[in-house]
């Protein structure tokens, strides 16, 4: 998780190997943010959800957009959600 480049980290390899499964888990995390857990300390209340949003930028698809839209107006996570939506739209446009 803390590697400089997520593509070479253990987490990055898992995400790249199982994008559909990871996407399902991330979608559930956005649906139940108060139930997110972690092995790592997250000092800010929305850190776990921000991590989910950033990972969805990597493996999300069109089915992710309706969940991400719920976070666009969030006072803390809105910018991250908007960035994730942009990345997904750019990636699906390029494909």
PDB file of N, CA and C in Angstrom:
ATOM      1  N   UNK A   1       0.822  -1.193   0.000  1.00  0.00           N
ATOM      2  CA  UNK A   1       0.000   0.000   0.000  1.00  0.00           C
ATOM      3  C   UNK A   1       0.866   1.258   0.000  1.00  0.00           C
ATOM      4  N   UNK A   2       1.972   1.224   0.707  1.00  0.00           N
ATOM      5  CA  UNK A   2       2.769   2.440   0.857  1.00  0.00           C
ATOM      6  C   UNK A   2       3.913   2.533  -0.153  1.00  0.00           C
ATOM      7  N   UNK A   3       3.932   1.672  -1.162  1.00  0.00           N
ATOM      8  CA  UNK A   3       4.971   1.737  -2.182  1.00  0.00           C
ATOM      9  C   UNK A   3       4.838   3.043  -2.964  1.00  0.00           C
ATOM     10  N   UNK A   4       5.939   3.526  -3.476  1.00  0.00           N
ATOM     11  CA  UNK A   4       5.926   4.763  -4.252  1.00  0.00           C
ATOM     12  C   UNK A   4       5.061   4.635  -5.506  1.00  0.00           C
ATOM     13  N   UNK A   5       5.094   3.477  -6.139  1.00  0.00           N
ATOM     14  CA  UNK A   5       4.341   3.247  -7.367  1.00  0.00           C
ATOM     15  C   UNK A   5       3.366   2.100  -7.121  1.00  0.00           C
ATOM     16  N   UNK A   6       2.067   2.383  -7.158  1.00  0.00           N
ATOM     17  CA  UNK A   6       1.075   1.346  -6.851  1.00  0.00           C
ATOM     18  C   UNK A   6       1.181   0.167  -7.808  1.00  0.00           C
ATOM     19  N   UNK A   7       1.669   0.397  -9.036  1.00  0.00           N
ATOM     20  CA  UNK A   7       1.763  -0.705 -10.001  1.00  0.00           C
ATOM     21  C   UNK A   7       2.723  -1.787  -9.545  1.00  0.00           C
ATOM     22  N   UNK A   8       3.690  -1.435  -8.705  1.00  0.00           N
ATOM     23  CA  UNK A   8       4.664  -2.425  -8.256  1.00  0.00           C
ATOM     24  C   UNK A   8       4.413  -2.886  -6.822  1.00  0.00           C
ATOM     25  N   UNK A   9       3.412  -2.325  -6.181  1.00  0.00           N
ATOM     26  CA  UNK A   9       3.113  -2.720  -4.804  1.00  0.00           C
ATOM     27  C   UNK A   9       2.289  -4.006  -4.800  1.00  0.00           C
ATOM     28  N   UNK A  10       2.238  -4.655  -3.658  1.00  0.00           N
ATOM     29  CA  UNK A  10       1.410  -5.859  -3.527  1.00  0.00           C
ATOM     30  C   UNK A  10      -0.055  -5.520  -3.809  1.00  0.00           C
ATOM     31  N   UNK A  11      -0.528  -4.393  -3.287  1.00  0.00           N
ATOM     32  CA  UNK A  11      -1.902  -3.981  -3.526  1.00  0.00           C
ATOM     33  C   UNK A  11      -2.148  -3.761  -5.019  1.00  0.00           C
ATOM     34  N   UNK A  12      -1.228  -3.090  -5.675  1.00  0.00           N
ATOM     35  CA  UNK A  12      -1.363  -2.847  -7.111  1.00  0.00           C
ATOM     36  C   UNK A  12      -1.428  -4.132  -7.913  1.00  0.00           C
ATOM     37  N   UNK A  13      -0.637  -5.091  -7.540  1.00  0.00           N
ATOM     38  CA  UNK A  13      -0.649  -6.380  -8.246  1.00  0.00           C
ATOM     39  C   UNK A  13      -1.968  -7.111  -8.041  1.00  0.00           C
ATOM     40  N   UNK A  14      -2.508  -7.049  -6.827  1.00  0.00           N
ATOM     41  CA  UNK A  14      -3.808  -7.682  -6.553  1.00  0.00           C
ATOM     42  C   UNK A  14      -4.902  -6.984  -7.357  1.00  0.00           C
ATOM     43  N   UNK A  15      -4.896  -5.663  -7.340  1.00  0.00           N
ATOM     44  CA  UNK A  15      -5.898  -4.886  -8.069  1.00  0.00           C
ATOM     45  C   UNK A  15      -5.837  -5.201  -9.560  1.00  0.00           C
ATOM     46  N   UNK A  16      -4.631  -5.264 -10.118  1.00  0.00           N
ATOM     47  CA  UNK A  16      -4.475  -5.550 -11.541  1.00  0.00           C
ATOM     48  C   UNK A  16      -4.857  -6.983 -11.889  1.00  0.00           C
ATOM     49  N   UNK A  17      -4.665  -7.905 -10.964  1.00  0.00           N
ATOM     50  CA  UNK A  17      -4.957  -9.310 -11.228  1.00  0.00           C
ATOM     51  C   UNK A  17      -6.445  -9.634 -11.126  1.00  0.00           C
ATOM     52  N   UNK A  18      -7.157  -8.910 -10.277  1.00  0.00           N
ATOM     53  CA  UNK A  18      -8.572  -9.212 -10.027  1.00  0.00           C
ATOM     54  C   UNK A  18      -9.437  -7.952 -10.072  1.00  0.00           C
ATOM     55  N   UNK A  19      -9.410  -7.200 -11.168  1.00  0.00           N
ATOM     56  CA  UNK A  19     -10.127  -5.917 -11.180  1.00  0.00           C
ATOM     57  C   UNK A  19     -11.626  -6.037 -10.937  1.00  0.00           C
ATOM     58  N   UNK A  20     -12.271  -7.051 -11.469  1.00  0.00           N
ATOM     59  CA  UNK A  20     -13.710  -7.214 -11.267  1.00  0.00           C
ATOM     60  C   UNK A  20     -14.065  -7.491  -9.821  1.00  0.00           C
ATOM     61  N   UNK A  21     -13.300  -8.352  -9.177  1.00  0.00           N
ATOM     62  CA  UNK A  21     -13.543  -8.670  -7.775  1.00  0.00           C
ATOM     63  C   UNK A  21     -13.264  -7.457  -6.881  1.00  0.00           C
ATOM     64  N   UNK A  22     -12.178  -6.773  -7.190  1.00  0.00           N
ATOM     65  CA  UNK A  22     -11.810  -5.577  -6.412  1.00  0.00           C
ATOM     66  C   UNK A  22     -12.888  -4.510  -6.576  1.00  0.00           C
ATOM     67  N   UNK A  23     -13.373  -4.341  -7.802  1.00  0.00           N
ATOM     68  CA  UNK A  23     -14.420  -3.350  -8.060  1.00  0.00           C
ATOM     69  C   UNK A  23     -15.666  -3.657  -7.219  1.00  0.00           C
ATOM     70  N   UNK A  24     -16.040  -4.925  -7.133  1.00  0.00           N
ATOM     71  CA  UNK A  24     -17.198  -5.313  -6.322  1.00  0.00           C
ATOM     72  C   UNK A  24     -16.999  -4.926  -4.857  1.00  0.00           C
ATOM     73  N   UNK A  25     -15.815  -5.185  -4.336  1.00  0.00           N
ATOM     74  CA  UNK A  25     -15.505  -4.835  -2.943  1.00  0.00           C
ATOM     75  C   UNK A  25     -15.528  -3.317  -2.759  1.00  0.00           C
ATOM     76  N   UNK A  26     -14.949  -2.590  -3.703  1.00  0.00           N
ATOM     77  CA  UNK A  26     -14.916  -1.129  -3.599  1.00  0.00           C
ATOM     78  C   UNK A  26     -16.324  -0.545  -3.683  1.00  0.00           C
ATOM     79  N   UNK A  27     -17.156  -1.088  -4.566  1.00  0.00           N
ATOM     80  CA  UNK A  27     -18.542  -0.617  -4.660  1.00  0.00           C
ATOM     81  C   UNK A  27     -19.255  -0.817  -3.321  1.00  0.00           C
ATOM     82  N   UNK A  28     -19.038  -1.955  -2.714  1.00  0.00           N
ATOM     83  CA  UNK A  28     -19.649  -2.204  -1.407  1.00  0.00           C
ATOM     84  C   UNK A  28     -19.117  -1.196  -0.378  1.00  0.00           C
ATOM     85  N   UNK A  29     -17.825  -0.903  -0.442  1.00  0.00           N
ATOM     86  CA  UNK A  29     -17.241   0.069   0.487  1.00  0.00           C
ATOM     87  C   UNK A  29     -17.872   1.440   0.366  1.00  0.00           C
ATOM     88  N   UNK A  30     -18.187   1.862  -0.876  1.00  0.00           N
ATOM     89  CA  UNK A  30     -18.841   3.158  -1.051  1.00  0.00           C
ATOM     90  C   UNK A  30     -20.290   3.116  -0.584  1.00  0.00           C
ATOM     91  N   UNK A  31     -20.892   1.956  -0.643  1.00  0.00           N
ATOM     92  CA  UNK A  31     -22.279   1.810  -0.188  1.00  0.00           C
ATOM     93  C   UNK A  31     -22.384   1.765   1.332  1.00  0.00           C
ATOM     94  N   UNK A  32     -21.308   1.384   1.995  1.00  0.00           N
ATOM     95  CA  UNK A  32     -21.308   1.262   3.463  1.00  0.00           C
ATOM     96  C   UNK A  32     -20.011   1.834   4.039  1.00  0.00           C
ATOM     97  N   UNK A  33     -19.747   3.130   3.843  1.00  0.00           N
ATOM     98  CA  UNK A  33     -18.464   3.705   4.270  1.00  0.00           C
ATOM     99  C   UNK A  33     -18.210   3.607   5.772  1.00  0.00           C
ATOM    100  N   UNK A  34     -19.264   3.565   6.556  1.00  0.00           N
ATOM    101  CA  UNK A  34     -19.087   3.467   8.006  1.00  0.00           C
ATOM    102  C   UNK A  34     -18.627   2.077   8.442  1.00  0.00           C
ATOM    103  N   UNK A  35     -18.626   1.121   7.523  1.00  0.00           N
ATOM    104  CA  UNK A  35     -18.206  -0.238   7.859  1.00  0.00           C
ATOM    105  C   UNK A  35     -16.829  -0.571   7.294  1.00  0.00           C
ATOM    106  N   UNK A  36     -16.159   0.388   6.671  1.00  0.00           N
ATOM    107  CA  UNK A  36     -14.815   0.159   6.134  1.00  0.00           C
ATOM    108  C   UNK A  36     -13.826  -0.084   7.273  1.00  0.00           C
ATOM    109  N   UNK A  37     -12.962  -1.051   7.085  1.00  0.00           N
ATOM    110  CA  UNK A  37     -11.915  -1.340   8.064  1.00  0.00           C
ATOM    111  C   UNK A  37     -10.566  -1.311   7.366  1.00  0.00           C
ATOM    112  N   UNK A  38      -9.506  -1.330   8.140  1.00  0.00           N
ATOM    113  CA  UNK A  38      -8.170  -1.296   7.572  1.00  0.00           C
ATOM    114  C   UNK A  38      -7.167  -1.839   8.572  1.00  0.00           C
ATOM    115  N   UNK A  39      -6.099  -2.395   8.039  1.00  0.00           N
ATOM    116  CA  UNK A  39      -4.983  -2.804   8.882  1.00  0.00           C
ATOM    117  C   UNK A  39      -4.113  -1.608   9.260  1.00  0.00           C
ATOM    118  N   UNK A  40      -4.271  -0.516   8.511  1.00  0.00           N
ATOM    119  CA  UNK A  40      -3.425   0.658   8.679  1.00  0.00           C
ATOM    120  C   UNK A  40      -4.186   1.774   9.381  1.00  0.00           C
ATOM    121  N   UNK A  41      -3.489   2.590  10.153  1.00  0.00           N
ATOM    122  CA  UNK A  41      -4.168   3.714  10.818  1.00  0.00           C
ATOM    123  C   UNK A  41      -4.604   4.766   9.796  1.00  0.00           C
ATOM    124  N   UNK A  42      -5.769   5.316   9.988  1.00  0.00           N
ATOM    125  CA  UNK A  42      -6.294   6.385   9.147  1.00  0.00           C
ATOM    126  C   UNK A  42      -6.744   7.496  10.083  1.00  0.00           C
ATOM    127  N   UNK A  43      -5.902   8.513  10.260  1.00  0.00           N
ATOM    128  CA  UNK A  43      -6.209   9.545  11.258  1.00  0.00           C
ATOM    129  C   UNK A  43      -7.430  10.403  10.928  1.00  0.00           C
ATOM    130  N   UNK A  44      -7.740  10.572   9.652  1.00  0.00           N
ATOM    131  CA  UNK A  44      -8.895  11.384   9.276  1.00  0.00           C
ATOM    132  C   UNK A  44     -10.110  10.484   9.035  1.00  0.00           C
ATOM    133  N   UNK A  45     -11.296  10.927   9.401  1.00  0.00           N
ATOM    134  CA  UNK A  45     -12.494  10.090   9.284  1.00  0.00           C
ATOM    135  C   UNK A  45     -12.783   9.594   7.864  1.00  0.00           C
ATOM    136  N   UNK A  46     -12.470  10.385   6.853  1.00  0.00           N
ATOM    137  CA  UNK A  46     -12.797  10.012   5.478  1.00  0.00           C
ATOM    138  C   UNK A  46     -11.627   9.396   4.711  1.00  0.00           C
ATOM    139  N   UNK A  47     -10.511   9.112   5.385  1.00  0.00           N
ATOM    140  CA  UNK A  47      -9.345   8.555   4.698  1.00  0.00           C
ATOM    141  C   UNK A  47      -9.637   7.226   4.011  1.00  0.00           C
ATOM    142  N   UNK A  48     -10.364   6.344   4.676  1.00  0.00           N
ATOM    143  CA  UNK A  48     -10.661   5.033   4.085  1.00  0.00           C
ATOM    144  C   UNK A  48     -11.511   5.190   2.825  1.00  0.00           C
ATOM    145  N   UNK A  49     -12.509   6.045   2.901  1.00  0.00           N
ATOM    146  CA  UNK A  49     -13.369   6.265   1.738  1.00  0.00           C
ATOM    147  C   UNK A  49     -12.575   6.907   0.604  1.00  0.00           C
ATOM    148  N   UNK A  50     -11.679   7.827   0.915  1.00  0.00           N
ATOM    149  CA  UNK A  50     -10.838   8.442  -0.112  1.00  0.00           C
ATOM    150  C   UNK A  50      -9.975   7.385  -0.799  1.00  0.00           C
ATOM    151  N   UNK A  51      -9.478   6.427  -0.038  1.00  0.00           N
ATOM    152  CA  UNK A  51      -8.695   5.341  -0.620  1.00  0.00           C
ATOM    153  C   UNK A  51      -9.554   4.518  -1.572  1.00  0.00           C
ATOM    154  N   UNK A  52     -10.781   4.231  -1.172  1.00  0.00           N
ATOM    155  CA  UNK A  52     -11.702   3.489  -2.045  1.00  0.00           C
ATOM    156  C   UNK A  52     -11.927   4.265  -3.339  1.00  0.00           C
ATOM    157  N   UNK A  53     -12.146   5.561  -3.232  1.00  0.00           N
ATOM    158  CA  UNK A  53     -12.364   6.384  -4.420  1.00  0.00           C
ATOM    159  C   UNK A  53     -11.152   6.352  -5.345  1.00  0.00           C
ATOM    160  N   UNK A  54      -9.962   6.492  -4.779  1.00  0.00           N
ATOM    161  CA  UNK A  54      -8.741   6.488  -5.605  1.00  0.00           C
ATOM    162  C   UNK A  54      -8.521   5.135  -6.274  1.00  0.00           C
ATOM    163  N   UNK A  55      -8.819   4.049  -5.574  1.00  0.00           N
ATOM    164  CA  UNK A  55      -8.669   2.722  -6.177  1.00  0.00           C
ATOM    165  C   UNK A  55      -9.699   2.505  -7.287  1.00  0.00           C
ATOM    166  N   UNK A  56     -10.885   3.068  -7.138  1.00  0.00           N
ATOM    167  CA  UNK A  56     -11.879   2.947  -8.196  1.00  0.00           C
ATOM    168  C   UNK A  56     -11.442   3.667  -9.463  1.00  0.00           C
ATOM    169  N   UNK A  57     -10.614   4.685  -9.332  1.00  0.00           N
ATOM    170  CA  UNK A  57     -10.083   5.350 -10.519  1.00  0.00           C
ATOM    171  C   UNK A  57      -9.274   4.359 -11.355  1.00  0.00           C
ATOM    172  N   UNK A  58      -8.759   3.347 -10.707  1.00  0.00           N
ATOM    173  CA  UNK A  58      -7.933   2.337 -11.373  1.00  0.00           C
ATOM    174  C   UNK A  58      -8.744   1.186 -11.950  1.00  0.00           C
ATOM    175  N   UNK A  59      -9.787   0.742 -11.229  1.00  0.00           N
ATOM    176  CA  UNK A  59     -10.529  -0.448 -11.665  1.00  0.00           C
ATOM    177  C   UNK A  59     -12.019  -0.208 -11.884  1.00  0.00           C
ATOM    178  N   UNK A  60     -12.486   1.004 -11.640  1.00  0.00           N
ATOM    179  CA  UNK A  60     -13.900   1.278 -11.817  1.00  0.00           C
ATOM    180  C   UNK A  60     -14.307   1.208 -13.278  1.00  0.00           C
ATOM    181  N   UNK A  61     -15.608   1.127 -13.497  1.00  0.00           N
ATOM    182  CA  UNK A  61     -16.155   1.144 -14.846  1.00  0.00           C
ATOM    183  C   UNK A  61     -17.454   1.951 -14.820  1.00  0.00           C
ATOM    184  N   UNK A  62     -18.237   1.848 -15.877  1.00  0.00           N
ATOM    185  CA  UNK A  62     -19.479   2.620 -15.956  1.00  0.00           C
ATOM    186  C   UNK A  62     -20.406   2.327 -14.776  1.00  0.00           C
ATOM    187  N   UNK A  63     -20.351   1.101 -14.252  1.00  0.00           N
ATOM    188  CA  UNK A  63     -21.217   0.755 -13.116  1.00  0.00           C
ATOM    189  C   UNK A  63     -20.799   1.481 -11.839  1.00  0.00           C
ATOM    190  N   UNK A  64     -19.618   2.056 -11.825  1.00  0.00           N
ATOM    191  CA  UNK A  64     -19.118   2.776 -10.653  1.00  0.00           C
ATOM    192  C   UNK A  64     -19.649   4.212 -10.594  1.00  0.00           C
ATOM    193  N   UNK A  65     -20.033   4.744 -11.740  1.00  0.00           N
ATOM    194  CA  UNK A  65     -20.353   6.165 -11.827  1.00  0.00           C
ATOM    195  C   UNK A  65     -21.525   6.586 -10.938  1.00  0.00           C
ATOM    196  N   UNK A  66     -22.564   5.756 -10.827  1.00  0.00           N
ATOM    197  CA  UNK A  66     -23.705   6.170  -9.999  1.00  0.00           C
ATOM    198  C   UNK A  66     -23.321   6.229  -8.523  1.00  0.00           C
ATOM    199  N   UNK A  67     -22.421   5.367  -8.072  1.00  0.00           N
ATOM    200  CA  UNK A  67     -21.953   5.425  -6.683  1.00  0.00           C
ATOM    201  C   UNK A  67     -21.062   6.638  -6.455  1.00  0.00           C
ATOM    202  N   UNK A  68     -20.222   6.924  -7.431  1.00  0.00           N
ATOM    203  CA  UNK A  68     -19.324   8.074  -7.317  1.00  0.00           C
ATOM    204  C   UNK A  68     -20.098   9.384  -7.310  1.00  0.00           C
ATOM    205  N   UNK A  69     -21.190   9.429  -8.057  1.00  0.00           N
ATOM    206  CA  UNK A  69     -21.992  10.653  -8.122  1.00  0.00           C
ATOM    207  C   UNK A  69     -22.530  11.053  -6.747  1.00  0.00           C
ATOM    208  N   UNK A  70     -22.755  10.076  -5.888  1.00  0.00           N
ATOM    209  CA  UNK A  70     -23.253  10.365  -4.537  1.00  0.00           C
ATOM    210  C   UNK A  70     -22.235  11.146  -3.706  1.00  0.00           C
ATOM    211  N   UNK A  71     -20.977  11.108  -4.106  1.00  0.00           N
ATOM    212  CA  UNK A  71     -19.907  11.772  -3.346  1.00  0.00           C
ATOM    213  C   UNK A  71     -19.473  13.108  -3.946  1.00  0.00           C
ATOM    214  N   UNK A  72     -20.012  13.486  -5.099  1.00  0.00           N
ATOM    215  CA  UNK A  72     -19.572  14.722  -5.770  1.00  0.00           C
ATOM    216  C   UNK A  72     -19.732  15.962  -4.908  1.00  0.00           C
ATOM    217  N   UNK A  73     -20.786  16.027  -4.129  1.00  0.00           N
ATOM    218  CA  UNK A  73     -21.045  17.219  -3.314  1.00  0.00           C
ATOM    219  C   UNK A  73     -20.560  17.083  -1.877  1.00  0.00           C
ATOM    220  N   UNK A  74     -19.865  16.010  -1.586  1.00  0.00           N
ATOM    221  CA  UNK A  74     -19.338  15.796  -0.233  1.00  0.00           C
ATOM    222  C   UNK A  74     -18.304  16.881   0.064  1.00  0.00           C
ATOM    223  N   UNK A  75     -18.370  17.514   1.237  1.00  0.00           N
ATOM    224  CA  UNK A  75     -17.446  18.618   1.528  1.00  0.00           C
ATOM    225  C   UNK A  75     -15.967  18.221   1.542  1.00  0.00           C
ATOM    226  N   UNK A  76     -15.649  17.000   1.888  1.00  0.00           N
ATOM    227  CA  UNK A  76     -14.252  16.561   1.951  1.00  0.00           C
ATOM    228  C   UNK A  76     -13.883  15.699   0.749  1.00  0.00           C
ATOM    229  N   UNK A  77     -14.776  14.819   0.334  1.00  0.00           N
ATOM    230  CA  UNK A  77     -14.460  13.827  -0.695  1.00  0.00           C
ATOM    231  C   UNK A  77     -14.897  14.234  -2.101  1.00  0.00           C
ATOM    232  N   UNK A  78     -15.562  15.366  -2.242  1.00  0.00           N
ATOM    233  CA  UNK A  78     -16.075  15.800  -3.541  1.00  0.00           C
ATOM    234  C   UNK A  78     -15.010  15.912  -4.612  1.00  0.00           C
ATOM    235  N   UNK A  79     -13.865  16.492  -4.271  1.00  0.00           N
ATOM    236  CA  UNK A  79     -12.789  16.648  -5.245  1.00  0.00           C
ATOM    237  C   UNK A  79     -12.220  15.309  -5.692  1.00  0.00           C
ATOM    238  N   UNK A  80     -12.052  14.397  -4.750  1.00  0.00           N
ATOM    239  CA  UNK A  80     -11.539  13.067  -5.075  1.00  0.00           C
ATOM    240  C   UNK A  80     -12.546  12.314  -5.932  1.00  0.00           C
ATOM    241  N   UNK A  81     -13.832  12.433  -5.603  1.00  0.00           N
ATOM    242  CA  UNK A  81     -14.874  11.776  -6.398  1.00  0.00           C
ATOM    243  C   UNK A  81     -14.901  12.335  -7.815  1.00  0.00           C
ATOM    244  N   UNK A  82     -14.827  13.652  -7.951  1.00  0.00           N
ATOM    245  CA  UNK A  82     -14.830  14.273  -9.277  1.00  0.00           C
ATOM    246  C   UNK A  82     -13.611  13.830 -10.088  1.00  0.00           C
ATOM    247  N   UNK A  83     -12.455  13.774  -9.451  1.00  0.00           N
ATOM    248  CA  UNK A  83     -11.248  13.321 -10.135  1.00  0.00           C
ATOM    249  C   UNK A  83     -11.392  11.863 -10.585  1.00  0.00           C
ATOM    250  N   UNK A  84     -11.968  11.032  -9.734  1.00  0.00           N
ATOM    251  CA  UNK A  84     -12.175   9.624 -10.084  1.00  0.00           C
ATOM    252  C   UNK A  84     -13.138   9.507 -11.262  1.00  0.00           C
ATOM    253  N   UNK A  85     -14.200  10.278 -11.248  1.00  0.00           N
ATOM    254  CA  UNK A  85     -15.163  10.270 -12.359  1.00  0.00           C
ATOM    255  C   UNK A  85     -14.478  10.688 -13.650  1.00  0.00           C
ATOM    256  N   UNK A  86     -13.671  11.740 -13.609  1.00  0.00           N
ATOM    257  CA  UNK A  86     -12.933  12.195 -14.797  1.00  0.00           C
ATOM    258  C   UNK A  86     -12.018  11.090 -15.327  1.00  0.00           C
ATOM    259  N   UNK A  87     -11.283  10.462 -14.421  1.00  0.00           N
ATOM    260  CA  UNK A  87     -10.365   9.401 -14.844  1.00  0.00           C
ATOM    261  C   UNK A  87     -11.113   8.233 -15.482  1.00  0.00           C
ATOM    262  N   UNK A  88     -12.227   7.847 -14.874  1.00  0.00           N
ATOM    263  CA  UNK A  88     -13.026   6.755 -15.459  1.00  0.00           C
ATOM    264  C   UNK A  88     -13.558   7.145 -16.827  1.00  0.00           C
ATOM    265  N   UNK A  89     -14.083   8.346 -16.943  1.00  0.00           N
ATOM    266  CA  UNK A  89     -14.600   8.785 -18.242  1.00  0.00           C
ATOM    267  C   UNK A  89     -13.503   8.843 -19.283  1.00  0.00           C
ATOM    268  N   UNK A  90     -12.331   9.329 -18.918  1.00  0.00           N
ATOM    269  CA  UNK A  90     -11.206   9.381 -19.856  1.00  0.00           C
ATOM    270  C   UNK A  90     -10.758   7.976 -20.252  1.00  0.00           C
ATOM    271  N   UNK A  91     -10.712   7.072 -19.283  1.00  0.00           N
ATOM    272  CA  UNK A  91     -10.266   5.710 -19.580  1.00  0.00           C
ATOM    273  C   UNK A  91     -11.265   4.990 -20.475  1.00  0.00           C
ATOM    274  N   UNK A  92     -12.561   5.146 -20.220  1.00  0.00           N
ATOM    275  CA  UNK A  92     -13.551   4.462 -21.039  1.00  0.00           C
ATOM    276  C   UNK A  92     -13.658   5.079 -22.433  1.00  0.00           C
ATOM    277  N   UNK A  93     -13.362   6.376 -22.535  1.00  0.00           N
ATOM    278  CA  UNK A  93     -13.352   7.037 -23.836  1.00  0.00           C
ATOM    279  C   UNK A  93     -12.187   6.546 -24.682  1.00  0.00           C
ATOM    280  N   UNK A  94     -11.038   6.313 -24.037  1.00  0.00           N
ATOM    281  CA  UNK A  94      -9.839   5.854 -24.734  1.00  0.00           C
ATOM    282  C   UNK A  94      -9.967   4.399 -25.182  1.00  0.00           C
ATOM    283  N   UNK A  95     -10.771   3.615 -24.465  1.00  0.00           N
ATOM    284  CA  UNK A  95     -10.898   2.176 -24.771  1.00  0.00           C
ATOM    285  C   UNK A  95     -11.702   1.915 -26.007  1.00  0.00           C
TER     286      UNK A  95
END
